Amino acid sequence: MGLFDRLRQLRGDVPEDDLDGRTKALVVRGNEFGYDPFGLSRDSFKTAARLARWLYRNYFRATAYGIENIPPSGRVLFVANHSGQLPFDGLVIGAATFLEPPQPRLVRSMVEYFVPTVPFASYLFARWGQITGTPENCRRLLAAEECVLVFPEGARGISKDFSKRYQLAEFGKGFMRLALEMQAPIVPIAVIGAEEQAPAVNVKPLARLLRVPSFPVVPYPPFVPLVPLPVKYRLYFGEAMTFTGDPDDDDEVLDDKVKTVKHRIQSMIHIGLRERAHVFW
């Protein structure tokens, strides 16, 4: 039996998802033309949701744990580990929060600054609800009681070599400053599976030449990670964490708070790795 036959056998019944009903249930503050202040279009999102659902249910066969920890409303920061060369982890998290809880939530991902420079990416990401990761954008979304997804590892996480899989890179402190300033709870998320979707080596000279954060090379044709391997994703949503303090404190003062979140996610990663039987099922 081939790998894909084995995956289809293990997939089992794929749940029916009421995409129309869930899209209508989303809280979208659109204008008279149907767009929100960041360019989100409910109709465009529905198209993206169909693709995300297929990847989530059929290709990655994702399983989400701790769905009850997703707040049904109100502002929240989702903080997750980042990996896999291409941001399918963000797509899978967004699909989970849309498809799994009784009240669907629209996740607004803070994408890297270089992404809008990619042809068509700026237009499509805006229509699908994703925005450039500036502090001001994040403040506006949290003030509007939205949920925002951040990857504190940034490009350091998504471009690390396969030998460093599931080892968290250094966390930036910006997410903690925003959580304190906006009094937003943090829901930690551990992503299991993304590290193996594109086992790569980062060719740093080419990355510098092309002025991109990384240039990953995988050991199989076409040797660049354009298509991820059909790994099985496992998501772990942890209990919400609330912090208090001054968002303008020095970095040294915020270190303990940031490390608390990082250690929680690393602990959840260890649990997830122990519980999985195989990378592909």
C-alpha atoms as a PDB file:
ATOM      1  CA  MET A   1       0.000   0.000   0.000  1.00  0.00           C
ATOM      2  CA  GLY A   2       1.389   3.396  -1.010  1.00  0.00           C
ATOM      3  CA  LEU A   3       1.734   6.365   1.311  1.00  0.00           C
ATOM      4  CA  PHE A   4      -1.238   8.269  -0.114  1.00  0.00           C
ATOM      5  CA  ASP A   5      -3.453   5.162   0.007  1.00  0.00           C
ATOM      6  CA  ARG A   6      -2.435   4.711   3.630  1.00  0.00           C
ATOM      7  CA  LEU A   7      -3.260   8.347   4.371  1.00  0.00           C
ATOM      8  CA  ARG A   8      -6.671   8.075   2.734  1.00  0.00           C
ATOM      9  CA  GLN A   9      -7.385   4.922   4.716  1.00  0.00           C
ATOM     10  CA  LEU A  10      -6.446   6.542   8.016  1.00  0.00           C
ATOM     11  CA  ARG A  11      -8.262   9.791   7.303  1.00  0.00           C
ATOM     12  CA  GLY A  12     -11.694   8.349   8.010  1.00  0.00           C
ATOM     13  CA  ASP A  13     -14.836  10.384   7.514  1.00  0.00           C
ATOM     14  CA  VAL A  14     -14.238  14.057   6.871  1.00  0.00           C
ATOM     15  CA  PRO A  15     -16.763  16.228   8.739  1.00  0.00           C
ATOM     16  CA  GLU A  16     -19.260  18.266   6.769  1.00  0.00           C
ATOM     17  CA  ASP A  17     -18.646  21.967   7.369  1.00  0.00           C
ATOM     18  CA  ASP A  18     -21.314  24.596   6.829  1.00  0.00           C
ATOM     19  CA  LEU A  19     -19.013  27.137   5.185  1.00  0.00           C
ATOM     20  CA  ASP A  20     -21.861  29.464   4.206  1.00  0.00           C
ATOM     21  CA  GLY A  21     -23.306  29.462   7.705  1.00  0.00           C
ATOM     22  CA  ARG A  22     -19.955  29.865   9.395  1.00  0.00           C
ATOM     23  CA  THR A  23     -18.948  32.710   7.087  1.00  0.00           C
ATOM     24  CA  LYS A  24     -22.212  34.516   7.831  1.00  0.00           C
ATOM     25  CA  ALA A  25     -21.633  33.979  11.572  1.00  0.00           C
ATOM     26  CA  LEU A  26     -18.293  35.784  11.468  1.00  0.00           C
ATOM     27  CA  VAL A  27     -18.222  39.252  12.948  1.00  0.00           C
ATOM     28  CA  VAL A  28     -17.001  41.415  10.040  1.00  0.00           C
ATOM     29  CA  ARG A  29     -17.237  45.191  10.385  1.00  0.00           C
ATOM     30  CA  GLY A  30     -17.620  45.982   6.698  1.00  0.00           C
ATOM     31  CA  ASN A  31     -18.619  49.230   5.025  1.00  0.00           C
ATOM     32  CA  GLU A  32     -21.451  49.670   2.509  1.00  0.00           C
ATOM     33  CA  PHE A  33     -19.240  48.074  -0.165  1.00  0.00           C
ATOM     34  CA  GLY A  34     -18.578  44.964   1.918  1.00  0.00           C
ATOM     35  CA  TYR A  35     -14.975  45.676   2.928  1.00  0.00           C
ATOM     36  CA  ASP A  36     -13.592  46.208   6.393  1.00  0.00           C
ATOM     37  CA  PRO A  37     -10.941  48.927   7.101  1.00  0.00           C
ATOM     38  CA  PHE A  38      -8.139  46.492   6.196  1.00  0.00           C
ATOM     39  CA  GLY A  39      -9.670  45.334   2.901  1.00  0.00           C
ATOM     40  CA  LEU A  40     -11.286  42.099   4.110  1.00  0.00           C
ATOM     41  CA  SER A  41     -14.123  40.937   1.885  1.00  0.00           C
ATOM     42  CA  ARG A  42     -16.553  38.328   3.204  1.00  0.00           C
ATOM     43  CA  ASP A  43     -17.035  36.915  -0.317  1.00  0.00           C
ATOM     44  CA  SER A  44     -13.283  36.648  -0.898  1.00  0.00           C
ATOM     45  CA  PHE A  45     -12.856  35.062   2.504  1.00  0.00           C
ATOM     46  CA  LYS A  46     -15.411  32.399   1.641  1.00  0.00           C
ATOM     47  CA  THR A  47     -13.307  31.413  -1.365  1.00  0.00           C
ATOM     48  CA  ALA A  48     -10.196  31.222   0.800  1.00  0.00           C
ATOM     49  CA  ALA A  49     -12.122  29.218   3.404  1.00  0.00           C
ATOM     50  CA  ARG A  50     -12.916  26.519   0.841  1.00  0.00           C
ATOM     51  CA  LEU A  51      -9.227  26.082   0.026  1.00  0.00           C
ATOM     52  CA  ALA A  52      -8.236  26.225   3.693  1.00  0.00           C
ATOM     53  CA  ARG A  53     -10.854  23.635   4.585  1.00  0.00           C
ATOM     54  CA  TRP A  54      -9.569  21.200   1.957  1.00  0.00           C
ATOM     55  CA  LEU A  55      -5.994  21.588   3.151  1.00  0.00           C
ATOM     56  CA  TYR A  56      -7.046  21.321   6.802  1.00  0.00           C
ATOM     57  CA  ARG A  57      -9.408  18.344   6.475  1.00  0.00           C
ATOM     58  CA  ASN A  58      -8.028  16.409   3.505  1.00  0.00           C
ATOM     59  CA  TYR A  59      -4.383  17.214   2.884  1.00  0.00           C
ATOM     60  CA  PHE A  60      -2.995  17.803   6.383  1.00  0.00           C
ATOM     61  CA  ARG A  61      -5.810  15.862   8.134  1.00  0.00           C
ATOM     62  CA  ALA A  62      -5.428  18.218  11.070  1.00  0.00           C
ATOM     63  CA  THR A  63      -6.552  17.503  14.611  1.00  0.00           C
ATOM     64  CA  ALA A  64      -7.088  20.339  17.068  1.00  0.00           C
ATOM     65  CA  TYR A  65      -6.991  19.913  20.844  1.00  0.00           C
ATOM     66  CA  GLY A  66      -8.148  22.439  23.430  1.00  0.00           C
ATOM     67  CA  ILE A  67     -10.773  24.056  21.207  1.00  0.00           C
ATOM     68  CA  GLU A  68     -12.607  25.066  24.366  1.00  0.00           C
ATOM     69  CA  ASN A  69      -9.736  27.487  25.059  1.00  0.00           C
ATOM     70  CA  ILE A  70     -10.643  29.597  22.003  1.00  0.00           C
ATOM     71  CA  PRO A  71     -12.673  32.570  23.316  1.00  0.00           C
ATOM     72  CA  PRO A  72     -16.028  32.837  21.495  1.00  0.00           C
ATOM     73  CA  SER A  73     -15.692  36.626  21.383  1.00  0.00           C
ATOM     74  CA  GLY A  74     -13.489  39.496  22.469  1.00  0.00           C
ATOM     75  CA  ARG A  75      -9.892  40.438  21.837  1.00  0.00           C
ATOM     76  CA  VAL A  76      -7.224  37.766  22.100  1.00  0.00           C
ATOM     77  CA  LEU A  77      -3.642  37.171  20.983  1.00  0.00           C
ATOM     78  CA  PHE A  78      -2.879  33.713  19.626  1.00  0.00           C
ATOM     79  CA  VAL A  79       0.848  33.051  20.075  1.00  0.00           C
ATOM     80  CA  ALA A  80       2.344  30.040  18.287  1.00  0.00           C
ATOM     81  CA  ASN A  81       5.595  28.414  17.259  1.00  0.00           C
ATOM     82  CA  HIS A  82       6.532  28.984  13.617  1.00  0.00           C
ATOM     83  CA  SER A  83       8.123  26.573  11.145  1.00  0.00           C
ATOM     84  CA  GLY A  84       7.882  24.861   7.789  1.00  0.00           C
ATOM     85  CA  GLN A  85       9.486  27.362   5.358  1.00  0.00           C
ATOM     86  CA  LEU A  86       6.061  28.430   4.032  1.00  0.00           C
ATOM     87  CA  PRO A  87       3.326  29.673   6.415  1.00  0.00           C
ATOM     88  CA  PHE A  88       0.931  26.746   6.181  1.00  0.00           C
ATOM     89  CA  ASP A  89       0.971  26.668   9.990  1.00  0.00           C
ATOM     90  CA  GLY A  90      -0.832  29.997  10.019  1.00  0.00           C
ATOM     91  CA  LEU A  91      -3.365  28.719   7.484  1.00  0.00           C
ATOM     92  CA  VAL A  92      -4.048  25.597   9.556  1.00  0.00           C
ATOM     93  CA  ILE A  93      -4.491  27.605  12.756  1.00  0.00           C
ATOM     94  CA  GLY A  94      -6.893  29.949  10.983  1.00  0.00           C
ATOM     95  CA  ALA A  95      -8.853  27.000   9.579  1.00  0.00           C
ATOM     96  CA  ALA A  96      -9.116  25.426  13.033  1.00  0.00           C
ATOM     97  CA  THR A  97     -10.498  28.565  14.665  1.00  0.00           C
ATOM     98  CA  PHE A  98     -12.990  28.941  11.814  1.00  0.00           C
ATOM     99  CA  LEU A  99     -14.111  25.306  11.494  1.00  0.00           C
ATOM    100  CA  GLU A 100     -13.880  23.762  14.957  1.00  0.00           C
ATOM    101  CA  PRO A 101     -15.478  25.947  17.677  1.00  0.00           C
ATOM    102  CA  PRO A 102     -19.259  26.479  17.951  1.00  0.00           C
ATOM    103  CA  GLN A 103     -18.710  30.192  17.288  1.00  0.00           C
ATOM    104  CA  PRO A 104     -16.252  30.592  14.389  1.00  0.00           C
ATOM    105  CA  ARG A 105     -13.496  33.137  14.820  1.00  0.00           C
ATOM    106  CA  LEU A 106     -11.617  34.946  12.081  1.00  0.00           C
ATOM    107  CA  VAL A 107      -7.896  34.977  12.822  1.00  0.00           C
ATOM    108  CA  ARG A 108      -5.966  37.996  11.608  1.00  0.00           C
ATOM    109  CA  SER A 109      -2.370  36.903  11.016  1.00  0.00           C
ATOM    110  CA  MET A 110       0.512  39.344  11.309  1.00  0.00           C
ATOM    111  CA  VAL A 111       2.439  38.572   8.114  1.00  0.00           C
ATOM    112  CA  GLU A 112       6.094  39.400   7.571  1.00  0.00           C
ATOM    113  CA  TYR A 113       7.003  42.778   6.051  1.00  0.00           C
ATOM    114  CA  PHE A 114       8.402  41.216   2.859  1.00  0.00           C
ATOM    115  CA  VAL A 115       5.191  39.319   2.004  1.00  0.00           C
ATOM    116  CA  PRO A 116       3.319  42.300   0.478  1.00  0.00           C
ATOM    117  CA  THR A 117       6.202  42.687  -1.988  1.00  0.00           C
ATOM    118  CA  VAL A 118       5.336  39.287  -3.509  1.00  0.00           C
ATOM    119  CA  PRO A 119       3.142  39.670  -6.642  1.00  0.00           C
ATOM    120  CA  PHE A 120      -0.590  39.364  -5.848  1.00  0.00           C
ATOM    121  CA  ALA A 121       0.136  38.548  -2.184  1.00  0.00           C
ATOM    122  CA  SER A 122      -0.688  42.027  -0.915  1.00  0.00           C
ATOM    123  CA  TYR A 123      -4.086  42.071  -2.616  1.00  0.00           C
ATOM    124  CA  LEU A 124      -5.076  38.511  -1.731  1.00  0.00           C
ATOM    125  CA  PHE A 125      -3.890  38.634   1.875  1.00  0.00           C
ATOM    126  CA  ALA A 126      -5.892  41.811   2.483  1.00  0.00           C
ATOM    127  CA  ARG A 127      -9.058  40.331   0.967  1.00  0.00           C
ATOM    128  CA  TRP A 128      -8.624  37.217   3.126  1.00  0.00           C
ATOM    129  CA  GLY A 129      -8.178  39.226   6.314  1.00  0.00           C
ATOM    130  CA  GLN A 130      -4.414  38.995   6.801  1.00  0.00           C
ATOM    131  CA  ILE A 131      -2.356  42.137   7.361  1.00  0.00           C
ATOM    132  CA  THR A 132       1.212  43.351   7.624  1.00  0.00           C
ATOM    133  CA  GLY A 133       2.522  42.828  11.144  1.00  0.00           C
ATOM    134  CA  THR A 134       2.897  46.375  12.439  1.00  0.00           C
ATOM    135  CA  PRO A 135       2.126  47.299  16.066  1.00  0.00           C
ATOM    136  CA  GLU A 136      -0.436  49.866  14.933  1.00  0.00           C
ATOM    137  CA  ASN A 137      -2.340  47.318  12.852  1.00  0.00           C
ATOM    138  CA  CYS A 138      -2.375  44.941  15.790  1.00  0.00           C
ATOM    139  CA  ARG A 139      -3.625  47.659  18.171  1.00  0.00           C
ATOM    140  CA  ARG A 140      -6.483  48.556  15.841  1.00  0.00           C
ATOM    141  CA  LEU A 141      -7.576  44.945  15.512  1.00  0.00           C
ATOM    142  CA  LEU A 142      -7.438  44.254  19.248  1.00  0.00           C
ATOM    143  CA  ALA A 143      -9.315  47.489  19.937  1.00  0.00           C
ATOM    144  CA  ALA A 144     -12.013  46.137  17.591  1.00  0.00           C
ATOM    145  CA  GLU A 145     -12.208  42.961  19.743  1.00  0.00           C
ATOM    146  CA  GLU A 146     -10.633  40.749  17.072  1.00  0.00           C
ATOM    147  CA  CYS A 147      -8.288  37.792  17.478  1.00  0.00           C
ATOM    148  CA  VAL A 148      -4.753  38.232  16.206  1.00  0.00           C
ATOM    149  CA  LEU A 149      -2.201  35.507  15.467  1.00  0.00           C
ATOM    150  CA  VAL A 150       1.470  36.290  16.068  1.00  0.00           C
ATOM    151  CA  PHE A 151       4.605  34.197  15.645  1.00  0.00           C
ATOM    152  CA  PRO A 152       7.196  35.718  18.018  1.00  0.00           C
ATOM    153  CA  GLU A 153       9.988  33.716  16.373  1.00  0.00           C
ATOM    154  CA  GLY A 154       9.305  35.535  13.090  1.00  0.00           C
ATOM    155  CA  ALA A 155      11.494  34.575  10.147  1.00  0.00           C
ATOM    156  CA  ARG A 156      13.924  32.917  12.577  1.00  0.00           C
ATOM    157  CA  GLY A 157      11.383  30.180  13.196  1.00  0.00           C
ATOM    158  CA  ILE A 158      10.069  29.579   9.709  1.00  0.00           C
ATOM    159  CA  SER A 159      13.542  29.379   8.130  1.00  0.00           C
ATOM    160  CA  LYS A 160      15.451  27.251  10.631  1.00  0.00           C
ATOM    161  CA  ASP A 161      17.250  24.113   9.452  1.00  0.00           C
ATOM    162  CA  PHE A 162      15.616  20.710   9.859  1.00  0.00           C
ATOM    163  CA  SER A 163      18.220  19.740  12.463  1.00  0.00           C
ATOM    164  CA  LYS A 164      16.724  22.380  14.803  1.00  0.00           C
ATOM    165  CA  ARG A 165      13.120  21.265  14.434  1.00  0.00           C
ATOM    166  CA  TYR A 166      10.858  21.891  17.440  1.00  0.00           C
ATOM    167  CA  GLN A 167      13.551  23.955  19.120  1.00  0.00           C
ATOM    168  CA  LEU A 168      12.030  27.387  19.644  1.00  0.00           C
ATOM    169  CA  ALA A 169      14.066  30.328  18.391  1.00  0.00           C
ATOM    170  CA  GLU A 170      14.279  33.534  20.410  1.00  0.00           C
ATOM    171  CA  PHE A 171      10.936  35.240  20.974  1.00  0.00           C
ATOM    172  CA  GLY A 172      10.545  38.909  20.186  1.00  0.00           C
ATOM    173  CA  LYS A 173       8.964  41.043  22.893  1.00  0.00           C
ATOM    174  CA  GLY A 174       6.555  43.064  20.772  1.00  0.00           C
ATOM    175  CA  PHE A 175       3.631  40.692  21.351  1.00  0.00           C
ATOM    176  CA  MET A 176       3.966  41.063  25.113  1.00  0.00           C
ATOM    177  CA  ARG A 177       4.011  44.850  24.926  1.00  0.00           C
ATOM    178  CA  LEU A 178       0.820  44.735  22.861  1.00  0.00           C
ATOM    179  CA  ALA A 179      -0.857  42.266  25.234  1.00  0.00           C
ATOM    180  CA  LEU A 180      -0.081  44.529  28.203  1.00  0.00           C
ATOM    181  CA  GLU A 181      -1.088  47.727  26.436  1.00  0.00           C
ATOM    182  CA  MET A 182      -4.362  46.340  25.068  1.00  0.00           C
ATOM    183  CA  GLN A 183      -5.102  44.127  28.096  1.00  0.00           C
ATOM    184  CA  ALA A 184      -5.486  41.161  25.770  1.00  0.00           C
ATOM    185  CA  PRO A 185      -5.293  37.551  26.982  1.00  0.00           C
ATOM    186  CA  ILE A 186      -2.740  35.295  25.305  1.00  0.00           C
ATOM    187  CA  VAL A 187      -3.726  31.824  24.088  1.00  0.00           C
ATOM    188  CA  PRO A 188      -0.559  29.751  23.485  1.00  0.00           C
ATOM    189  CA  ILE A 189      -0.600  27.345  20.543  1.00  0.00           C
ATOM    190  CA  ALA A 190       1.746  24.440  19.845  1.00  0.00           C
ATOM    191  CA  VAL A 191       1.934  23.303  16.217  1.00  0.00           C
ATOM    192  CA  ILE A 192       3.098  19.740  15.569  1.00  0.00           C
ATOM    193  CA  GLY A 193       3.749  18.615  11.996  1.00  0.00           C
ATOM    194  CA  ALA A 194       4.854  21.784  10.246  1.00  0.00           C
ATOM    195  CA  GLU A 195       8.535  21.102  10.921  1.00  0.00           C
ATOM    196  CA  GLU A 196       8.385  18.002   8.711  1.00  0.00           C
ATOM    197  CA  GLN A 197       6.321  19.478   5.860  1.00  0.00           C
ATOM    198  CA  ALA A 198       9.476  20.778   4.142  1.00  0.00           C
ATOM    199  CA  PRO A 199      12.706  19.415   5.695  1.00  0.00           C
ATOM    200  CA  ALA A 200      15.103  22.023   4.386  1.00  0.00           C
ATOM    201  CA  VAL A 201      18.556  23.524   4.628  1.00  0.00           C
ATOM    202  CA  ASN A 202      18.775  27.299   4.416  1.00  0.00           C
ATOM    203  CA  VAL A 203      21.258  28.471   1.760  1.00  0.00           C
ATOM    204  CA  LYS A 204      22.201  31.782   3.359  1.00  0.00           C
ATOM    205  CA  PRO A 205      24.344  33.215   0.497  1.00  0.00           C
ATOM    206  CA  LEU A 206      21.418  32.919  -1.914  1.00  0.00           C
ATOM    207  CA  ALA A 207      19.077  34.432   0.666  1.00  0.00           C
ATOM    208  CA  ARG A 208      21.368  37.450   1.024  1.00  0.00           C
ATOM    209  CA  LEU A 209      21.680  37.758  -2.752  1.00  0.00           C
ATOM    210  CA  LEU A 210      17.893  37.729  -3.223  1.00  0.00           C
ATOM    211  CA  ARG A 211      17.307  39.893  -0.128  1.00  0.00           C
ATOM    212  CA  VAL A 212      14.887  37.433   1.461  1.00  0.00           C
ATOM    213  CA  PRO A 213      14.957  36.061   5.026  1.00  0.00           C
ATOM    214  CA  SER A 214      15.927  32.572   3.815  1.00  0.00           C
ATOM    215  CA  PHE A 215      16.400  30.416   0.740  1.00  0.00           C
ATOM    216  CA  PRO A 216      15.395  26.886   1.776  1.00  0.00           C
ATOM    217  CA  VAL A 217      16.421  23.839  -0.266  1.00  0.00           C
ATOM    218  CA  VAL A 218      14.729  20.451   0.203  1.00  0.00           C
ATOM    219  CA  PRO A 219      16.275  17.068  -0.744  1.00  0.00           C
ATOM    220  CA  TYR A 220      13.684  16.200  -3.408  1.00  0.00           C
ATOM    221  CA  PRO A 221      12.507  17.733  -6.716  1.00  0.00           C
ATOM    222  CA  PRO A 222      11.950  20.579  -7.417  1.00  0.00           C
ATOM    223  CA  PHE A 223      14.362  21.176  -4.463  1.00  0.00           C
ATOM    224  CA  VAL A 224      12.523  24.271  -3.246  1.00  0.00           C
ATOM    225  CA  PRO A 225       9.555  23.877  -0.832  1.00  0.00           C
ATOM    226  CA  LEU A 226       6.770  24.972  -3.161  1.00  0.00           C
ATOM    227  CA  VAL A 227       4.499  22.083  -2.131  1.00  0.00           C
ATOM    228  CA  PRO A 228       4.510  20.786   1.462  1.00  0.00           C
ATOM    229  CA  LEU A 229       4.605  17.094   2.243  1.00  0.00           C
ATOM    230  CA  PRO A 230       1.224  15.672   3.388  1.00  0.00           C
ATOM    231  CA  VAL A 231       2.177  15.517   7.050  1.00  0.00           C
ATOM    232  CA  LYS A 232      -0.493  15.270   9.730  1.00  0.00           C
ATOM    233  CA  TYR A 233      -0.930  18.493  11.688  1.00  0.00           C
ATOM    234  CA  ARG A 234      -1.735  18.512  15.389  1.00  0.00           C
ATOM    235  CA  LEU A 235      -2.669  21.776  17.084  1.00  0.00           C
ATOM    236  CA  TYR A 236      -2.739  22.304  20.832  1.00  0.00           C
ATOM    237  CA  PHE A 237      -4.598  25.358  22.114  1.00  0.00           C
ATOM    238  CA  GLY A 238      -3.573  26.106  25.693  1.00  0.00           C
ATOM    239  CA  GLU A 239      -5.459  27.896  28.427  1.00  0.00           C
ATOM    240  CA  ALA A 240      -5.494  31.676  28.189  1.00  0.00           C
ATOM    241  CA  MET A 241      -2.687  33.520  29.962  1.00  0.00           C
ATOM    242  CA  THR A 242      -3.200  37.021  31.385  1.00  0.00           C
ATOM    243  CA  PHE A 243      -0.362  39.407  32.209  1.00  0.00           C
ATOM    244  CA  THR A 244      -0.255  42.783  33.906  1.00  0.00           C
ATOM    245  CA  GLY A 245       2.405  45.474  33.869  1.00  0.00           C
ATOM    246  CA  ASP A 246       3.681  48.508  32.016  1.00  0.00           C
ATOM    247  CA  PRO A 247       4.029  47.945  28.243  1.00  0.00           C
ATOM    248  CA  ASP A 248       6.809  50.557  28.167  1.00  0.00           C
ATOM    249  CA  ASP A 249       9.061  48.684  30.575  1.00  0.00           C
ATOM    250  CA  ASP A 250      12.597  47.868  29.479  1.00  0.00           C
ATOM    251  CA  ASP A 251      13.178  44.592  27.638  1.00  0.00           C
ATOM    252  CA  GLU A 252      14.847  43.126  30.717  1.00  0.00           C
ATOM    253  CA  VAL A 253      11.665  43.631  32.731  1.00  0.00           C
ATOM    254  CA  LEU A 254       9.553  41.888  30.104  1.00  0.00           C
ATOM    255  CA  ASP A 255      11.924  38.931  29.725  1.00  0.00           C
ATOM    256  CA  ASP A 256      10.301  36.820  32.443  1.00  0.00           C
ATOM    257  CA  LYS A 257       6.818  37.275  30.978  1.00  0.00           C
ATOM    258  CA  VAL A 258       7.998  36.410  27.465  1.00  0.00           C
ATOM    259  CA  LYS A 259       9.880  33.366  28.752  1.00  0.00           C
ATOM    260  CA  THR A 260       6.750  32.185  30.565  1.00  0.00           C
ATOM    261  CA  VAL A 261       4.843  32.084  27.269  1.00  0.00           C
ATOM    262  CA  LYS A 262       7.761  30.501  25.426  1.00  0.00           C
ATOM    263  CA  HIS A 263       8.187  27.793  28.059  1.00  0.00           C
ATOM    264  CA  ARG A 264       4.456  27.040  27.997  1.00  0.00           C
ATOM    265  CA  ILE A 265       4.538  26.533  24.228  1.00  0.00           C
ATOM    266  CA  GLN A 266       7.723  24.452  24.416  1.00  0.00           C
ATOM    267  CA  SER A 267       6.105  22.247  27.071  1.00  0.00           C
ATOM    268  CA  MET A 268       3.029  21.782  24.871  1.00  0.00           C
ATOM    269  CA  ILE A 269       5.302  20.875  21.952  1.00  0.00           C
ATOM    270  CA  HIS A 270       6.990  18.167  24.048  1.00  0.00           C
ATOM    271  CA  ILE A 271       3.583  16.742  24.981  1.00  0.00           C
ATOM    272  CA  GLY A 272       2.454  16.762  21.368  1.00  0.00           C
ATOM    273  CA  LEU A 273       5.598  15.006  20.161  1.00  0.00           C
ATOM    274  CA  ARG A 274       5.187  12.295  22.801  1.00  0.00           C
ATOM    275  CA  GLU A 275       1.561  11.720  21.858  1.00  0.00           C
ATOM    276  CA  ARG A 276       1.929  11.390  18.090  1.00  0.00           C
ATOM    277  CA  ALA A 277       2.559   7.950  16.623  1.00  0.00           C
ATOM    278  CA  HIS A 278       3.895   9.020  13.225  1.00  0.00           C
ATOM    279  CA  VAL A 279       4.651  12.108  11.172  1.00  0.00           C
ATOM    280  CA  PHE A 280       2.098  11.187   8.477  1.00  0.00           C
ATOM    281  CA  TRP A 281      -0.741   9.681  10.554  1.00  0.00           C
END
